[in-house]
Every structure is written in C-alpha cells, then in structure tokens.
Amino acid sequence: MSDFIQCIGDIGLQAVRYEHGERFILCWFDRKATAAMIAKKVRHLKRVFQPAEERGQLDHRALRRLTLPKSAKQKVRVFTDDECRHLCKATRQYEEEGSLKKDRDDTWEWHVKDIDRRMLPLTADLVKLLVEHQNSEPEGNPYVFVPPHQHERIQEFRRAGKWTVEHTRFPLQKFCYYFNKIRRMAGIKSGIFHDLRRTCLRTGLPRG
C-alpha cells in the first residue's frame, strides 16, 4: 500500500479509480522493474482492496479488472543428478569447515510469512535425508534447517528482548548467499535454491 501511495498520492479510498491502477503499473515500469515483479505487486494491491469491496466500503470495483503485465516464460532450470550429489557433498564440506557454537534448548514460535499453513506429504527418501541431517546436528539444536550458530545468535536477540514477530517470519538471513556459496563449491555455475524444488517436481529425488 505504501508503494501505491508513493506512485498515486495519499488519496481517499472512494477516490481510487481504474486509471490509478494503470498509473501504478507505469510508475513501476519507469523504475525499471520487471513485468513479473509488477504483476506480483498488482496482485497484492488487488487483495488489499478486495476486503473493502466485499464489506461495501467501496461502491465500485476500481482495480478488479486491472490487467497484469505479461512476462516471457523462462526456461525451467533443473539440476542434474550429478549436480545434486555435488551440492550435497559441498554442503557437508561447508558444514565441516564452518565454526559451530554451543546451542541452547530454547525454541520460539514461528510466524509464517503467508497467511496459510500447509501440510505437505514427504517421500520416504526425503524423510530419511531429514533424519540423517538432524542426527548430524550438535546435541540440543531443536531445528532441522536453522544452523547452530544462527540459533545461538537468535537466542542472544531473545535474551536481549530484541526478537520481534517480524524476525520470526524470516529467521534465516542471507540464505541465498550461503546457497550460492555452496553451489560454487560444488562447481555449478548457475542456479537458485528454488531450482531444487523444480528439479524435485520434474525428476524426483536423485538416487545415491
């Protein structure tokens, strides 16, 4: 909503019109944003105004028919079986080379960044990998994907009273930075973390 106000101005709710949505889109194109990013912002903006429409606070559907910018479909990046094995090996190497701090038993309530909580089925292979990973963690580390040093850092924030609800939405900072570091250690030139999900969906978990 703050982005909308920056582009359009601080106007009253009933004053919002379809042309304001178009101006919002043009504003972000002027900022050199990608079509995909703009489309995401427009979808978020529509969801902001939808409750007001449903409650009758808006007597018109100002942004409901706003057309989303289209972006060219990019080729789906899928890691090969060899790349997945190299990533797993590099991850273990990265953990062995990193310094670990002693953990505490304290845990905290997690707040998901989305509204919905989802229950996802896990394959037997994935459950085995998760168990093996958790068993390799130092005693007392309660989370599977929170590194021990990060867990201790979070505890320091909590003890100092600086741990907020917003922090619980994103407990792992610089996640992409560490993944890219591991990817380069594995000898893989390109790829992002979400490519692992696409790889799993398309080819299944690698064997061996």
C-alpha atoms as a PDB file:
ATOM      1  CA  MET A   1       0.000   0.000   0.000  1.00  0.00           C
ATOM      2  CA  SER A   2       2.916   2.347   0.684  1.00  0.00           C
ATOM      3  CA  ASP A   3       4.112   1.716  -2.895  1.00  0.00           C
ATOM      4  CA  PHE A   4       0.656   2.681  -4.179  1.00  0.00           C
ATOM      5  CA  ILE A   5       0.671   5.906  -2.151  1.00  0.00           C
ATOM      6  CA  GLN A   6       4.151   6.773  -3.426  1.00  0.00           C
ATOM      7  CA  CYS A   7       3.012   6.423  -7.029  1.00  0.00           C
ATOM      8  CA  ILE A   8      -0.519   7.874  -6.793  1.00  0.00           C
ATOM      9  CA  GLY A   9      -0.530  10.058  -3.717  1.00  0.00           C
ATOM     10  CA  ASP A  10      -2.401   9.833  -0.406  1.00  0.00           C
ATOM     11  CA  ILE A  11      -5.975   9.926  -1.730  1.00  0.00           C
ATOM     12  CA  GLY A  12      -9.223   8.768  -0.136  1.00  0.00           C
ATOM     13  CA  LEU A  13     -10.447   5.206  -0.570  1.00  0.00           C
ATOM     14  CA  GLN A  14     -13.520   6.197  -2.553  1.00  0.00           C
ATOM     15  CA  ALA A  15     -11.375   8.292  -4.906  1.00  0.00           C
ATOM     16  CA  VAL A  16      -9.414   5.300  -6.233  1.00  0.00           C
ATOM     17  CA  ARG A  17     -10.180   4.603  -9.896  1.00  0.00           C
ATOM     18  CA  TYR A  18      -9.075   2.191 -12.601  1.00  0.00           C
ATOM     19  CA  GLU A  19      -6.703   4.771 -14.082  1.00  0.00           C
ATOM     20  CA  HIS A  20      -4.854   4.910 -10.759  1.00  0.00           C
ATOM     21  CA  GLY A  21      -4.041   1.238 -11.186  1.00  0.00           C
ATOM     22  CA  GLU A  22      -2.668   1.934 -14.657  1.00  0.00           C
ATOM     23  CA  ARG A  23      -0.561   4.774 -13.274  1.00  0.00           C
ATOM     24  CA  PHE A  24       0.723   2.421 -10.578  1.00  0.00           C
ATOM     25  CA  ILE A  25       1.892  -0.027 -13.260  1.00  0.00           C
ATOM     26  CA  LEU A  26       3.542   2.704 -15.353  1.00  0.00           C
ATOM     27  CA  CYS A  27       5.253   4.051 -12.241  1.00  0.00           C
ATOM     28  CA  TRP A  28       6.979   0.714 -11.673  1.00  0.00           C
ATOM     29  CA  PHE A  29       7.907   0.357 -15.338  1.00  0.00           C
ATOM     30  CA  ASP A  30       9.580   3.777 -15.022  1.00  0.00           C
ATOM     31  CA  ARG A  31      11.540   2.346 -12.084  1.00  0.00           C
ATOM     32  CA  LYS A  32      12.833  -0.407 -14.404  1.00  0.00           C
ATOM     33  CA  ALA A  33      11.004  -3.149 -12.511  1.00  0.00           C
ATOM     34  CA  THR A  34      10.421  -6.432 -14.341  1.00  0.00           C
ATOM     35  CA  ALA A  35       6.981  -7.390 -15.610  1.00  0.00           C
ATOM     36  CA  ALA A  36       6.897 -10.342 -13.198  1.00  0.00           C
ATOM     37  CA  MET A  37       7.638  -8.102 -10.202  1.00  0.00           C
ATOM     38  CA  ILE A  38       4.991  -5.572 -11.275  1.00  0.00           C
ATOM     39  CA  ALA A  39       2.403  -8.318 -11.757  1.00  0.00           C
ATOM     40  CA  LYS A  40       3.117  -9.557  -8.221  1.00  0.00           C
ATOM     41  CA  LYS A  41       2.670  -6.041  -6.815  1.00  0.00           C
ATOM     42  CA  VAL A  42      -0.630  -5.618  -8.683  1.00  0.00           C
ATOM     43  CA  ARG A  43      -1.942  -8.927  -7.310  1.00  0.00           C
ATOM     44  CA  HIS A  44      -1.037  -7.817  -3.793  1.00  0.00           C
ATOM     45  CA  LEU A  45      -2.726  -4.464  -4.401  1.00  0.00           C
ATOM     46  CA  LYS A  46      -5.921  -6.147  -5.568  1.00  0.00           C
ATOM     47  CA  ARG A  47      -6.007  -8.235  -2.407  1.00  0.00           C
ATOM     48  CA  VAL A  48      -5.697  -5.065  -0.338  1.00  0.00           C
ATOM     49  CA  PHE A  49      -8.806  -3.543  -1.952  1.00  0.00           C
ATOM     50  CA  GLN A  50     -10.857  -6.753  -2.155  1.00  0.00           C
ATOM     51  CA  PRO A  51     -11.977  -6.792   1.524  1.00  0.00           C
ATOM     52  CA  ALA A  52     -13.157  -3.174   1.206  1.00  0.00           C
ATOM     53  CA  GLU A  53     -15.240  -4.148  -1.820  1.00  0.00           C
ATOM     54  CA  GLU A  54     -16.734  -7.150  -0.033  1.00  0.00           C
ATOM     55  CA  ARG A  55     -17.660  -5.036   3.008  1.00  0.00           C
ATOM     56  CA  GLY A  56     -19.324  -2.432   0.829  1.00  0.00           C
ATOM     57  CA  GLN A  57     -16.780   0.235   1.721  1.00  0.00           C
ATOM     58  CA  LEU A  58     -16.135   0.719  -1.999  1.00  0.00           C
ATOM     59  CA  ASP A  59     -19.122   1.263  -4.275  1.00  0.00           C
ATOM     60  CA  HIS A  60     -17.110   0.269  -7.355  1.00  0.00           C
ATOM     61  CA  ARG A  61     -14.500  -2.304  -8.313  1.00  0.00           C
ATOM     62  CA  ALA A  62     -11.684   0.069  -9.129  1.00  0.00           C
ATOM     63  CA  LEU A  63      -8.845  -2.388  -9.637  1.00  0.00           C
ATOM     64  CA  ARG A  64     -10.642  -5.712 -10.115  1.00  0.00           C
ATOM     65  CA  ARG A  65     -10.316  -5.619 -13.923  1.00  0.00           C
ATOM     66  CA  LEU A  66      -6.752  -4.318 -13.956  1.00  0.00           C
ATOM     67  CA  THR A  67      -4.682  -6.357 -16.449  1.00  0.00           C
ATOM     68  CA  LEU A  68      -1.452  -7.855 -15.170  1.00  0.00           C
ATOM     69  CA  PRO A  69       1.729  -7.193 -17.181  1.00  0.00           C
ATOM     70  CA  LYS A  70       2.871 -10.315 -19.001  1.00  0.00           C
ATOM     71  CA  SER A  71       6.420 -11.600 -18.915  1.00  0.00           C
ATOM     72  CA  ALA A  72       8.125 -14.091 -21.184  1.00  0.00           C
ATOM     73  CA  LYS A  73       8.302 -17.599 -19.778  1.00  0.00           C
ATOM     74  CA  GLN A  74      11.818 -18.529 -18.808  1.00  0.00           C
ATOM     75  CA  LYS A  75      13.332 -21.949 -19.271  1.00  0.00           C
ATOM     76  CA  VAL A  76      12.977 -24.031 -16.118  1.00  0.00           C
ATOM     77  CA  ARG A  77      16.378 -24.736 -14.553  1.00  0.00           C
ATOM     78  CA  VAL A  78      16.673 -28.341 -13.392  1.00  0.00           C
ATOM     79  CA  PHE A  79      19.723 -29.695 -11.586  1.00  0.00           C
ATOM     80  CA  THR A  80      21.113 -32.992 -12.871  1.00  0.00           C
ATOM     81  CA  ASP A  81      21.646 -35.992 -10.585  1.00  0.00           C
ATOM     82  CA  ASP A  82      25.399 -35.308 -10.575  1.00  0.00           C
ATOM     83  CA  GLU A  83      24.821 -31.639  -9.641  1.00  0.00           C
ATOM     84  CA  CYS A  84      22.520 -32.682  -6.780  1.00  0.00           C
ATOM     85  CA  ARG A  85      25.172 -35.088  -5.474  1.00  0.00           C
ATOM     86  CA  HIS A  86      27.844 -32.382  -5.745  1.00  0.00           C
ATOM     87  CA  LEU A  87      25.569 -29.967  -3.856  1.00  0.00           C
ATOM     88  CA  CYS A  88      25.056 -32.497  -1.041  1.00  0.00           C
ATOM     89  CA  LYS A  89      28.800 -33.155  -0.849  1.00  0.00           C
ATOM     90  CA  ALA A  90      29.607 -29.417  -0.869  1.00  0.00           C
ATOM     91  CA  THR A  91      27.012 -28.812   1.861  1.00  0.00           C
ATOM     92  CA  ARG A  92      28.630 -31.387   4.144  1.00  0.00           C
ATOM     93  CA  GLN A  93      32.041 -29.879   3.384  1.00  0.00           C
ATOM     94  CA  TYR A  94      30.752 -26.383   4.155  1.00  0.00           C
ATOM     95  CA  GLU A  95      29.344 -27.557   7.494  1.00  0.00           C
ATOM     96  CA  GLU A  96      32.633 -29.242   8.434  1.00  0.00           C
ATOM     97  CA  GLU A  97      34.670 -26.140   7.624  1.00  0.00           C
ATOM     98  CA  GLY A  98      32.354 -23.712   9.430  1.00  0.00           C
ATOM     99  CA  SER A  99      32.672 -22.868  13.128  1.00  0.00           C
ATOM    100  CA  LEU A 100      29.795 -24.077  15.316  1.00  0.00           C
ATOM    101  CA  LYS A 101      28.714 -22.570  18.624  1.00  0.00           C
ATOM    102  CA  LYS A 102      27.074 -24.355  21.516  1.00  0.00           C
ATOM    103  CA  ASP A 103      23.278 -24.375  21.273  1.00  0.00           C
ATOM    104  CA  ARG A 104      20.548 -23.948  23.835  1.00  0.00           C
ATOM    105  CA  ASP A 105      17.305 -25.861  24.244  1.00  0.00           C
ATOM    106  CA  ASP A 106      15.114 -22.771  23.860  1.00  0.00           C
ATOM    107  CA  THR A 107      12.739 -22.634  20.933  1.00  0.00           C
ATOM    108  CA  TRP A 108      10.467 -19.890  19.654  1.00  0.00           C
ATOM    109  CA  GLU A 109       7.109 -19.572  17.942  1.00  0.00           C
ATOM    110  CA  TRP A 110       7.340 -19.344  14.175  1.00  0.00           C
ATOM    111  CA  HIS A 111       5.142 -16.973  12.197  1.00  0.00           C
ATOM    112  CA  VAL A 112       4.736 -17.971   8.570  1.00  0.00           C
ATOM    113  CA  LYS A 113       5.161 -15.169   6.032  1.00  0.00           C
ATOM    114  CA  ASP A 114       1.949 -16.259   4.234  1.00  0.00           C
ATOM    115  CA  ILE A 115      -1.490 -16.458   5.790  1.00  0.00           C
ATOM    116  CA  ASP A 116      -1.992 -20.156   5.072  1.00  0.00           C
ATOM    117  CA  ARG A 117      -0.212 -23.021   6.794  1.00  0.00           C
ATOM    118  CA  ARG A 118       0.268 -26.006   4.520  1.00  0.00           C
ATOM    119  CA  MET A 119       0.720 -29.687   5.345  1.00  0.00           C
ATOM    120  CA  LEU A 120       2.849 -31.380   2.671  1.00  0.00           C
ATOM    121  CA  PRO A 121       3.424 -35.130   2.243  1.00  0.00           C
ATOM    122  CA  LEU A 122       7.048 -36.295   2.377  1.00  0.00           C
ATOM    123  CA  THR A 123       8.555 -39.170   0.435  1.00  0.00           C
ATOM    124  CA  ALA A 124      10.422 -41.909   2.266  1.00  0.00           C
ATOM    125  CA  ASP A 125      13.706 -40.735   0.703  1.00  0.00           C
ATOM    126  CA  LEU A 126      13.153 -37.174   1.920  1.00  0.00           C
ATOM    127  CA  VAL A 127      12.258 -38.324   5.450  1.00  0.00           C
ATOM    128  CA  LYS A 128      15.485 -40.366   5.502  1.00  0.00           C
ATOM    129  CA  LEU A 129      17.526 -37.331   4.416  1.00  0.00           C
ATOM    130  CA  LEU A 130      15.913 -35.128   7.080  1.00  0.00           C
ATOM    131  CA  VAL A 131      16.572 -37.697   9.820  1.00  0.00           C
ATOM    132  CA  GLU A 132      20.187 -38.076   8.752  1.00  0.00           C
ATOM    133  CA  HIS A 133      20.656 -34.313   8.701  1.00  0.00           C
ATOM    134  CA  GLN A 134      19.103 -33.845  12.145  1.00  0.00           C
ATOM    135  CA  ASN A 135      21.241 -36.653  13.573  1.00  0.00           C
ATOM    136  CA  SER A 136      24.347 -34.903  12.254  1.00  0.00           C
ATOM    137  CA  GLU A 137      23.490 -31.694  14.124  1.00  0.00           C
ATOM    138  CA  PRO A 138      25.014 -30.987  17.576  1.00  0.00           C
ATOM    139  CA  GLU A 139      23.032 -32.183  20.598  1.00  0.00           C
ATOM    140  CA  GLY A 140      20.417 -29.659  21.686  1.00  0.00           C
ATOM    141  CA  ASN A 141      19.804 -27.979  18.326  1.00  0.00           C
ATOM    142  CA  PRO A 142      15.982 -28.244  18.006  1.00  0.00           C
ATOM    143  CA  TYR A 143      15.570 -27.151  14.383  1.00  0.00           C
ATOM    144  CA  VAL A 144      16.459 -29.004  11.205  1.00  0.00           C
ATOM    145  CA  PHE A 145      17.242 -26.025   8.981  1.00  0.00           C
ATOM    146  CA  VAL A 146      18.485 -23.431  11.477  1.00  0.00           C
ATOM    147  CA  PRO A 147      22.300 -23.671  11.686  1.00  0.00           C
ATOM    148  CA  PRO A 148      23.675 -23.880  15.237  1.00  0.00           C
ATOM    149  CA  HIS A 149      25.485 -20.534  15.035  1.00  0.00           C
ATOM    150  CA  GLN A 150      22.299 -18.823  13.793  1.00  0.00           C
ATOM    151  CA  HIS A 151      20.259 -20.495  16.541  1.00  0.00           C
ATOM    152  CA  GLU A 152      22.614 -19.104  19.175  1.00  0.00           C
ATOM    153  CA  ARG A 153      22.505 -15.640  17.584  1.00  0.00           C
ATOM    154  CA  ILE A 154      18.695 -15.702  17.701  1.00  0.00           C
ATOM    155  CA  GLN A 155      18.817 -16.698  21.357  1.00  0.00           C
ATOM    156  CA  GLU A 156      21.007 -13.672  22.063  1.00  0.00           C
ATOM    157  CA  PHE A 157      18.393 -11.449  20.444  1.00  0.00           C
ATOM    158  CA  ARG A 158      15.652 -13.092  22.510  1.00  0.00           C
ATOM    159  CA  ARG A 159      17.549 -12.684  25.780  1.00  0.00           C
ATOM    160  CA  ALA A 160      18.115  -9.007  24.965  1.00  0.00           C
ATOM    161  CA  GLY A 161      14.394  -8.519  24.197  1.00  0.00           C
ATOM    162  CA  LYS A 162      15.119  -7.606  20.576  1.00  0.00           C
ATOM    163  CA  TRP A 163      13.409 -10.621  18.953  1.00  0.00           C
ATOM    164  CA  THR A 164      10.196  -9.412  17.274  1.00  0.00           C
ATOM    165  CA  VAL A 165       7.313 -11.093  15.430  1.00  0.00           C
ATOM    166  CA  GLU A 166       8.758  -9.765  12.162  1.00  0.00           C
ATOM    167  CA  HIS A 167      12.019 -11.573  12.882  1.00  0.00           C
ATOM    168  CA  THR A 168      10.152 -14.881  13.273  1.00  0.00           C
ATOM    169  CA  ARG A 169       8.927 -14.606   9.682  1.00  0.00           C
ATOM    170  CA  PHE A 170      12.488 -14.594   8.347  1.00  0.00           C
ATOM    171  CA  PRO A 171      14.755 -16.327  10.892  1.00  0.00           C
ATOM    172  CA  LEU A 172      17.384 -17.250   8.287  1.00  0.00           C
ATOM    173  CA  GLN A 173      19.108 -14.206   6.850  1.00  0.00           C
ATOM    174  CA  LYS A 174      21.423 -14.297   3.815  1.00  0.00           C
ATOM    175  CA  PHE A 175      20.052 -17.744   2.897  1.00  0.00           C
ATOM    176  CA  CYS A 176      20.671 -17.222  -0.837  1.00  0.00           C
ATOM    177  CA  TYR A 177      24.195 -16.030  -0.095  1.00  0.00           C
ATOM    178  CA  TYR A 178      25.083 -19.297   1.613  1.00  0.00           C
ATOM    179  CA  PHE A 179      23.344 -21.426  -1.024  1.00  0.00           C
ATOM    180  CA  ASN A 180      25.266 -19.682  -3.819  1.00  0.00           C
ATOM    181  CA  LYS A 181      28.493 -20.229  -1.906  1.00  0.00           C
ATOM    182  CA  ILE A 182      27.752 -23.953  -1.649  1.00  0.00           C
ATOM    183  CA  ARG A 183      26.700 -24.060  -5.322  1.00  0.00           C
ATOM    184  CA  ARG A 184      30.046 -22.585  -6.369  1.00  0.00           C
ATOM    185  CA  MET A 185      31.883 -25.065  -4.116  1.00  0.00           C
ATOM    186  CA  ALA A 186      30.001 -27.817  -5.972  1.00  0.00           C
ATOM    187  CA  GLY A 187      31.317 -26.472  -9.288  1.00  0.00           C
ATOM    188  CA  ILE A 188      27.878 -25.401 -10.547  1.00  0.00           C
ATOM    189  CA  LYS A 189      27.967 -22.118 -12.464  1.00  0.00           C
ATOM    190  CA  SER A 190      24.303 -21.105 -12.236  1.00  0.00           C
ATOM    191  CA  GLY A 191      21.083 -21.887 -10.398  1.00  0.00           C
ATOM    192  CA  ILE A 192      18.997 -20.689  -7.452  1.00  0.00           C
ATOM    193  CA  PHE A 193      17.650 -22.533  -4.427  1.00  0.00           C
ATOM    194  CA  HIS A 194      14.131 -22.794  -5.903  1.00  0.00           C
ATOM    195  CA  ASP A 195      15.618 -24.772  -8.807  1.00  0.00           C
ATOM    196  CA  LEU A 196      15.973 -27.655  -6.341  1.00  0.00           C
ATOM    197  CA  ARG A 197      12.196 -27.652  -5.891  1.00  0.00           C
ATOM    198  CA  ARG A 198      11.694 -27.612  -9.656  1.00  0.00           C
ATOM    199  CA  THR A 199      14.214 -30.418 -10.000  1.00  0.00           C
ATOM    200  CA  CYS A 200      12.336 -32.497  -7.429  1.00  0.00           C
ATOM    201  CA  LEU A 201       8.977 -31.881  -9.119  1.00  0.00           C
ATOM    202  CA  ARG A 202      10.257 -32.775 -12.556  1.00  0.00           C
ATOM    203  CA  THR A 203      12.677 -35.626 -11.957  1.00  0.00           C
ATOM    204  CA  GLY A 204      12.163 -36.816  -8.379  1.00  0.00           C
ATOM    205  CA  LEU A 205      14.880 -37.094  -5.741  1.00  0.00           C
ATOM    206  CA  PRO A 206      18.307 -38.192  -7.045  1.00  0.00           C
ATOM    207  CA  ARG A 207      19.481 -41.637  -6.030  1.00  0.00           C
ATOM    208  CA  GLY A 208      22.797 -42.388  -4.385  1.00  0.00           C
END
